[in-house]
Amino acid sequence: MKKLPIFIFMLLSISAFSQDRAKFLYAEFADKSITIAPFYKVYGNNFDPVLTLGTGWEYWQKGNSVIFQTAQITGYRSEYVIQGVNLTTSLGYGYHHGSGFFGDLMAGIGGGGFTMSRETFVLNGDNVYVASQPLNLAFAIPFDLKLGYNTGRVAFYLKYRYVVMGPYVENLPLLPLSQTGVGVRFVLQSTEK
């Protein structure tokens, strides 16, 4: 049963790439923060890197508007809290102006695994605390905002992502994360004639 979401994700990807739609690849680099308030760093000015690699395809385009879907894998590390990997898919709406400027709004769903960055301890069968680094599985619900410039087959953009992950730990069921960064997108196949 645990492999069902992966199977559905692969099926959607194969279906989308087998049809004549605009397709693209992208890479993003960001700074992560654990916060409810956007653009706020709870743990000071330390840099917590996030790397995202993804692909996407358009479903519909008319005039300046486009509806698309993405699939991405995101790796992140936080010095004070967690490190892990997420696999997510998002549905997006974009407004792409003829001058090259564009804006995208996206919402998605996914999941992943993480471990604690700091050493943790668990109680074993002999009632003794021992060091542990368990892998925790969690769902992820991302919301994205992108603003950028398209030069044709390559686009550069700024991105803000707000993600809610859960379950995190017993006392904190939902963990809000925010990521601010830059990205580049490469068009692989265009539907333009």
C-alpha atoms as a PDB file:
ATOM      1  CA  MET A   1       0.000   0.000   0.000  1.00  0.00           C
ATOM      2  CA  LYS A   2       2.907   2.371   0.703  1.00  0.00           C
ATOM      3  CA  LYS A   3       4.065   2.100  -2.922  1.00  0.00           C
ATOM      4  CA  LEU A   4       0.673   3.167  -4.364  1.00  0.00           C
ATOM      5  CA  PRO A   5       1.438   6.956  -4.319  1.00  0.00           C
ATOM      6  CA  ILE A   6       4.740   6.344  -6.121  1.00  0.00           C
ATOM      7  CA  PHE A   7       2.970   4.213  -8.735  1.00  0.00           C
ATOM      8  CA  ILE A   8       0.306   6.913  -9.304  1.00  0.00           C
ATOM      9  CA  PHE A   9       3.006   9.600  -9.569  1.00  0.00           C
ATOM     10  CA  MET A  10       4.902   7.544 -12.189  1.00  0.00           C
ATOM     11  CA  LEU A  11       1.700   6.835 -14.124  1.00  0.00           C
ATOM     12  CA  LEU A  12       0.827  10.545 -14.281  1.00  0.00           C
ATOM     13  CA  SER A  13       4.357  11.400 -15.431  1.00  0.00           C
ATOM     14  CA  ILE A  14       4.403   8.762 -18.187  1.00  0.00           C
ATOM     15  CA  SER A  15       0.944   9.786 -19.383  1.00  0.00           C
ATOM     16  CA  ALA A  16       1.878  13.454 -19.543  1.00  0.00           C
ATOM     17  CA  PHE A  17       5.177  12.882 -21.361  1.00  0.00           C
ATOM     18  CA  SER A  18       3.617  10.588 -23.953  1.00  0.00           C
ATOM     19  CA  GLN A  19       1.374  13.367 -25.280  1.00  0.00           C
ATOM     20  CA  ASP A  20       2.133  16.377 -27.458  1.00  0.00           C
ATOM     21  CA  ARG A  21       2.432  19.047 -24.764  1.00  0.00           C
ATOM     22  CA  ALA A  22       5.008  21.679 -23.906  1.00  0.00           C
ATOM     23  CA  LYS A  23       7.524  20.139 -21.495  1.00  0.00           C
ATOM     24  CA  PHE A  24      10.279  21.644 -19.345  1.00  0.00           C
ATOM     25  CA  LEU A  25      12.974  20.886 -16.768  1.00  0.00           C
ATOM     26  CA  TYR A  26      13.981  23.172 -13.922  1.00  0.00           C
ATOM     27  CA  ALA A  27      16.412  23.557 -11.048  1.00  0.00           C
ATOM     28  CA  GLU A  28      16.036  25.765  -7.973  1.00  0.00           C
ATOM     29  CA  PHE A  29      18.287  26.783  -5.108  1.00  0.00           C
ATOM     30  CA  ALA A  30      16.794  28.302  -1.964  1.00  0.00           C
ATOM     31  CA  ASP A  31      17.191  29.095   1.729  1.00  0.00           C
ATOM     32  CA  LYS A  32      14.792  27.298   4.086  1.00  0.00           C
ATOM     33  CA  SER A  33      13.227  28.628   7.233  1.00  0.00           C
ATOM     34  CA  ILE A  34      10.891  26.983   9.745  1.00  0.00           C
ATOM     35  CA  THR A  35       8.243  29.589  10.372  1.00  0.00           C
ATOM     36  CA  ILE A  36       4.560  30.414  10.279  1.00  0.00           C
ATOM     37  CA  ALA A  37       5.290  33.996   9.175  1.00  0.00           C
ATOM     38  CA  PRO A  38       6.573  34.344   5.583  1.00  0.00           C
ATOM     39  CA  PHE A  39      10.180  35.534   5.113  1.00  0.00           C
ATOM     40  CA  TYR A  40      11.007  35.168   8.835  1.00  0.00           C
ATOM     41  CA  LYS A  41      14.020  33.201  10.136  1.00  0.00           C
ATOM     42  CA  VAL A  42      13.345  31.702  13.562  1.00  0.00           C
ATOM     43  CA  TYR A  43      16.938  30.564  14.105  1.00  0.00           C
ATOM     44  CA  GLY A  44      18.820  33.702  13.089  1.00  0.00           C
ATOM     45  CA  ASN A  45      20.795  34.283   9.926  1.00  0.00           C
ATOM     46  CA  ASN A  46      22.215  30.795   9.293  1.00  0.00           C
ATOM     47  CA  PHE A  47      21.847  29.484   5.731  1.00  0.00           C
ATOM     48  CA  ASP A  48      19.766  26.286   5.371  1.00  0.00           C
ATOM     49  CA  PRO A  49      20.154  25.113   1.747  1.00  0.00           C
ATOM     50  CA  VAL A  50      17.391  23.627  -0.394  1.00  0.00           C
ATOM     51  CA  LEU A  51      17.948  22.103  -3.853  1.00  0.00           C
ATOM     52  CA  THR A  52      15.009  21.224  -6.107  1.00  0.00           C
ATOM     53  CA  LEU A  53      15.122  19.396  -9.439  1.00  0.00           C
ATOM     54  CA  GLY A  54      11.928  19.015 -11.393  1.00  0.00           C
ATOM     55  CA  THR A  55      10.054  18.585 -14.615  1.00  0.00           C
ATOM     56  CA  GLY A  56       6.724  19.840 -15.872  1.00  0.00           C
ATOM     57  CA  TRP A  57       4.235  19.876 -18.706  1.00  0.00           C
ATOM     58  CA  GLU A  58       1.478  22.186 -19.864  1.00  0.00           C
ATOM     59  CA  TYR A  59      -2.144  21.057 -19.993  1.00  0.00           C
ATOM     60  CA  TRP A  60      -3.687  24.149 -21.530  1.00  0.00           C
ATOM     61  CA  GLN A  61      -2.559  27.475 -22.963  1.00  0.00           C
ATOM     62  CA  LYS A  62      -4.651  30.307 -24.314  1.00  0.00           C
ATOM     63  CA  GLY A  63      -3.364  33.814 -24.857  1.00  0.00           C
ATOM     64  CA  ASN A  64      -1.122  34.740 -21.924  1.00  0.00           C
ATOM     65  CA  SER A  65      -2.577  32.129 -19.545  1.00  0.00           C
ATOM     66  CA  VAL A  66      -1.274  28.613 -19.029  1.00  0.00           C
ATOM     67  CA  ILE A  67      -2.236  25.709 -16.761  1.00  0.00           C
ATOM     68  CA  PHE A  68       0.558  23.244 -16.038  1.00  0.00           C
ATOM     69  CA  GLN A  69       1.708  20.486 -13.701  1.00  0.00           C
ATOM     70  CA  THR A  70       5.127  19.879 -12.166  1.00  0.00           C
ATOM     71  CA  ALA A  71       6.824  16.977 -10.430  1.00  0.00           C
ATOM     72  CA  GLN A  72       9.888  17.650  -8.297  1.00  0.00           C
ATOM     73  CA  ILE A  73      12.303  16.197  -5.821  1.00  0.00           C
ATOM     74  CA  THR A  74      13.578  18.529  -3.114  1.00  0.00           C
ATOM     75  CA  GLY A  75      16.488  17.951  -0.756  1.00  0.00           C
ATOM     76  CA  TYR A  76      16.986  20.200   2.258  1.00  0.00           C
ATOM     77  CA  ARG A  77      19.141  20.559   5.355  1.00  0.00           C
ATOM     78  CA  SER A  78      18.677  22.647   8.447  1.00  0.00           C
ATOM     79  CA  GLU A  79      21.502  23.045  10.952  1.00  0.00           C
ATOM     80  CA  TYR A  80      19.146  23.162  13.934  1.00  0.00           C
ATOM     81  CA  VAL A  81      16.122  21.014  13.095  1.00  0.00           C
ATOM     82  CA  ILE A  82      15.732  18.547  10.187  1.00  0.00           C
ATOM     83  CA  GLN A  83      17.190  17.260   6.928  1.00  0.00           C
ATOM     84  CA  GLY A  84      15.376  15.251   4.311  1.00  0.00           C
ATOM     85  CA  VAL A  85      13.901  14.753   0.861  1.00  0.00           C
ATOM     86  CA  ASN A  86      10.402  15.503  -0.495  1.00  0.00           C
ATOM     87  CA  LEU A  87       8.735  14.254  -3.664  1.00  0.00           C
ATOM     88  CA  THR A  88       5.842  16.503  -4.687  1.00  0.00           C
ATOM     89  CA  THR A  89       3.606  17.308  -7.623  1.00  0.00           C
ATOM     90  CA  SER A  90       1.877  20.660  -8.113  1.00  0.00           C
ATOM     91  CA  LEU A  91      -0.797  22.104 -10.357  1.00  0.00           C
ATOM     92  CA  GLY A  92      -0.150  25.662 -11.463  1.00  0.00           C
ATOM     93  CA  TYR A  93      -1.590  28.688 -13.218  1.00  0.00           C
ATOM     94  CA  GLY A  94       0.740  31.061 -15.006  1.00  0.00           C
ATOM     95  CA  TYR A  95       0.365  34.442 -16.633  1.00  0.00           C
ATOM     96  CA  HIS A  96       3.121  34.907 -19.234  1.00  0.00           C
ATOM     97  CA  HIS A  97       3.271  38.410 -20.725  1.00  0.00           C
ATOM     98  CA  GLY A  98       4.504  38.932 -24.279  1.00  0.00           C
ATOM     99  CA  SER A  99       7.441  40.998 -22.965  1.00  0.00           C
ATOM    100  CA  GLY A 100       8.900  37.870 -21.303  1.00  0.00           C
ATOM    101  CA  PHE A 101       7.861  38.582 -17.712  1.00  0.00           C
ATOM    102  CA  PHE A 102       5.717  35.961 -16.013  1.00  0.00           C
ATOM    103  CA  GLY A 103       4.144  34.955 -12.733  1.00  0.00           C
ATOM    104  CA  ASP A 104       3.102  31.471 -11.612  1.00  0.00           C
ATOM    105  CA  LEU A 105       0.916  30.319  -8.705  1.00  0.00           C
ATOM    106  CA  MET A 106       1.055  26.640  -7.717  1.00  0.00           C
ATOM    107  CA  ALA A 107      -0.424  24.282  -5.122  1.00  0.00           C
ATOM    108  CA  GLY A 108       0.405  20.625  -4.685  1.00  0.00           C
ATOM    109  CA  ILE A 109       0.718  17.513  -2.609  1.00  0.00           C
ATOM    110  CA  GLY A 110       3.428  14.977  -1.896  1.00  0.00           C
ATOM    111  CA  GLY A 111       5.458  13.342   0.791  1.00  0.00           C
ATOM    112  CA  GLY A 112       8.935  12.519   1.913  1.00  0.00           C
ATOM    113  CA  GLY A 113      11.223  11.480   4.671  1.00  0.00           C
ATOM    114  CA  PHE A 114      13.370  13.371   7.148  1.00  0.00           C
ATOM    115  CA  THR A 115      15.700  12.846  10.075  1.00  0.00           C
ATOM    116  CA  MET A 116      16.562  15.196  12.898  1.00  0.00           C
ATOM    117  CA  SER A 117      19.714  17.279  12.399  1.00  0.00           C
ATOM    118  CA  ARG A 118      20.649  17.004  16.057  1.00  0.00           C
ATOM    119  CA  GLU A 119      21.219  13.773  17.935  1.00  0.00           C
ATOM    120  CA  THR A 120      18.025  12.380  19.441  1.00  0.00           C
ATOM    121  CA  PHE A 121      17.494   9.740  22.094  1.00  0.00           C
ATOM    122  CA  VAL A 122      14.843   7.046  22.491  1.00  0.00           C
ATOM    123  CA  LEU A 123      13.989   4.745  25.357  1.00  0.00           C
ATOM    124  CA  ASN A 124      14.945   1.122  24.598  1.00  0.00           C
ATOM    125  CA  GLY A 125      13.515  -2.099  26.075  1.00  0.00           C
ATOM    126  CA  ASP A 126      15.791  -1.835  29.136  1.00  0.00           C
ATOM    127  CA  ASN A 127      14.456   1.665  29.983  1.00  0.00           C
ATOM    128  CA  VAL A 128      17.766   3.232  28.929  1.00  0.00           C
ATOM    129  CA  TYR A 129      18.001   6.174  26.562  1.00  0.00           C
ATOM    130  CA  VAL A 130      20.091   5.407  23.451  1.00  0.00           C
ATOM    131  CA  ALA A 131      21.092   7.611  20.494  1.00  0.00           C
ATOM    132  CA  SER A 132      18.796   7.257  17.485  1.00  0.00           C
ATOM    133  CA  GLN A 133      18.379   8.748  14.003  1.00  0.00           C
ATOM    134  CA  PRO A 134      14.982   7.394  12.900  1.00  0.00           C
ATOM    135  CA  LEU A 135      13.621   8.138   9.431  1.00  0.00           C
ATOM    136  CA  ASN A 136      10.298   9.949   9.738  1.00  0.00           C
ATOM    137  CA  LEU A 137       7.763   9.847   6.889  1.00  0.00           C
ATOM    138  CA  ALA A 138       5.479  12.830   6.342  1.00  0.00           C
ATOM    139  CA  PHE A 139       3.085  14.319   3.815  1.00  0.00           C
ATOM    140  CA  ALA A 140       3.833  17.720   2.271  1.00  0.00           C
ATOM    141  CA  ILE A 141       1.454  20.382   0.960  1.00  0.00           C
ATOM    142  CA  PRO A 142       3.383  23.080  -0.973  1.00  0.00           C
ATOM    143  CA  PHE A 143       2.198  26.493  -2.193  1.00  0.00           C
ATOM    144  CA  ASP A 144       4.474  28.353  -4.655  1.00  0.00           C
ATOM    145  CA  LEU A 145       4.769  31.840  -6.104  1.00  0.00           C
ATOM    146  CA  LYS A 146       7.217  32.506  -8.968  1.00  0.00           C
ATOM    147  CA  LEU A 147       8.103  35.797 -10.653  1.00  0.00           C
ATOM    148  CA  GLY A 148      10.524  35.759 -13.544  1.00  0.00           C
ATOM    149  CA  TYR A 149      11.655  36.519 -17.050  1.00  0.00           C
ATOM    150  CA  ASN A 150      11.472  34.180 -20.037  1.00  0.00           C
ATOM    151  CA  THR A 151      14.147  34.520 -22.742  1.00  0.00           C
ATOM    152  CA  GLY A 152      12.621  31.910 -25.059  1.00  0.00           C
ATOM    153  CA  ARG A 153      13.739  28.398 -24.188  1.00  0.00           C
ATOM    154  CA  VAL A 154      15.288  29.505 -20.863  1.00  0.00           C
ATOM    155  CA  ALA A 155      13.559  31.327 -17.993  1.00  0.00           C
ATOM    156  CA  PHE A 156      15.030  32.766 -14.791  1.00  0.00           C
ATOM    157  CA  TYR A 157      12.857  33.412 -11.746  1.00  0.00           C
ATOM    158  CA  LEU A 158      12.541  34.184  -8.057  1.00  0.00           C
ATOM    159  CA  LYS A 159      10.510  31.694  -6.053  1.00  0.00           C
ATOM    160  CA  TYR A 160       8.774  31.655  -2.699  1.00  0.00           C
ATOM    161  CA  ARG A 161       7.472  28.299  -1.396  1.00  0.00           C
ATOM    162  CA  TYR A 162       5.426  27.697   1.731  1.00  0.00           C
ATOM    163  CA  VAL A 163       5.155  24.024   2.753  1.00  0.00           C
ATOM    164  CA  VAL A 164       3.171  22.375   5.518  1.00  0.00           C
ATOM    165  CA  MET A 165       4.605  18.985   6.573  1.00  0.00           C
ATOM    166  CA  GLY A 166       3.100  16.468   8.943  1.00  0.00           C
ATOM    167  CA  PRO A 167       3.102  14.518  11.068  1.00  0.00           C
ATOM    168  CA  TYR A 168       6.347  16.033  12.386  1.00  0.00           C
ATOM    169  CA  VAL A 169       6.636  14.896  16.003  1.00  0.00           C
ATOM    170  CA  GLU A 170       4.054  13.913  18.598  1.00  0.00           C
ATOM    171  CA  ASN A 171       3.895  17.377  20.192  1.00  0.00           C
ATOM    172  CA  LEU A 172       4.034  19.253  16.864  1.00  0.00           C
ATOM    173  CA  PRO A 173       1.790  17.568  14.297  1.00  0.00           C
ATOM    174  CA  LEU A 174       2.313  20.136  11.504  1.00  0.00           C
ATOM    175  CA  LEU A 175       5.588  21.849  10.609  1.00  0.00           C
ATOM    176  CA  PRO A 176       5.457  25.008   8.446  1.00  0.00           C
ATOM    177  CA  LEU A 177       8.481  25.617   6.213  1.00  0.00           C
ATOM    178  CA  SER A 178       9.210  28.515   3.918  1.00  0.00           C
ATOM    179  CA  GLN A 179      11.780  28.652   1.103  1.00  0.00           C
ATOM    180  CA  THR A 180      13.024  31.725  -0.749  1.00  0.00           C
ATOM    181  CA  GLY A 181      15.296  31.237  -3.741  1.00  0.00           C
ATOM    182  CA  VAL A 182      16.097  31.406  -7.434  1.00  0.00           C
ATOM    183  CA  GLY A 183      15.503  29.019 -10.307  1.00  0.00           C
ATOM    184  CA  VAL A 184      16.099  28.354 -13.968  1.00  0.00           C
ATOM    185  CA  ARG A 185      13.731  26.557 -16.358  1.00  0.00           C
ATOM    186  CA  PHE A 186      14.608  24.945 -19.720  1.00  0.00           C
ATOM    187  CA  VAL A 187      11.934  24.218 -22.334  1.00  0.00           C
ATOM    188  CA  LEU A 188      12.427  20.728 -23.818  1.00  0.00           C
ATOM    189  CA  GLN A 189       9.499  20.639 -26.205  1.00  0.00           C
ATOM    190  CA  SER A 190       7.293  23.482 -27.298  1.00  0.00           C
ATOM    191  CA  THR A 191       3.813  23.215 -28.816  1.00  0.00           C
ATOM    192  CA  GLU A 192       4.486  26.310 -30.936  1.00  0.00           C
ATOM    193  CA  LYS A 193       4.777  25.651 -34.660  1.00  0.00           C
END
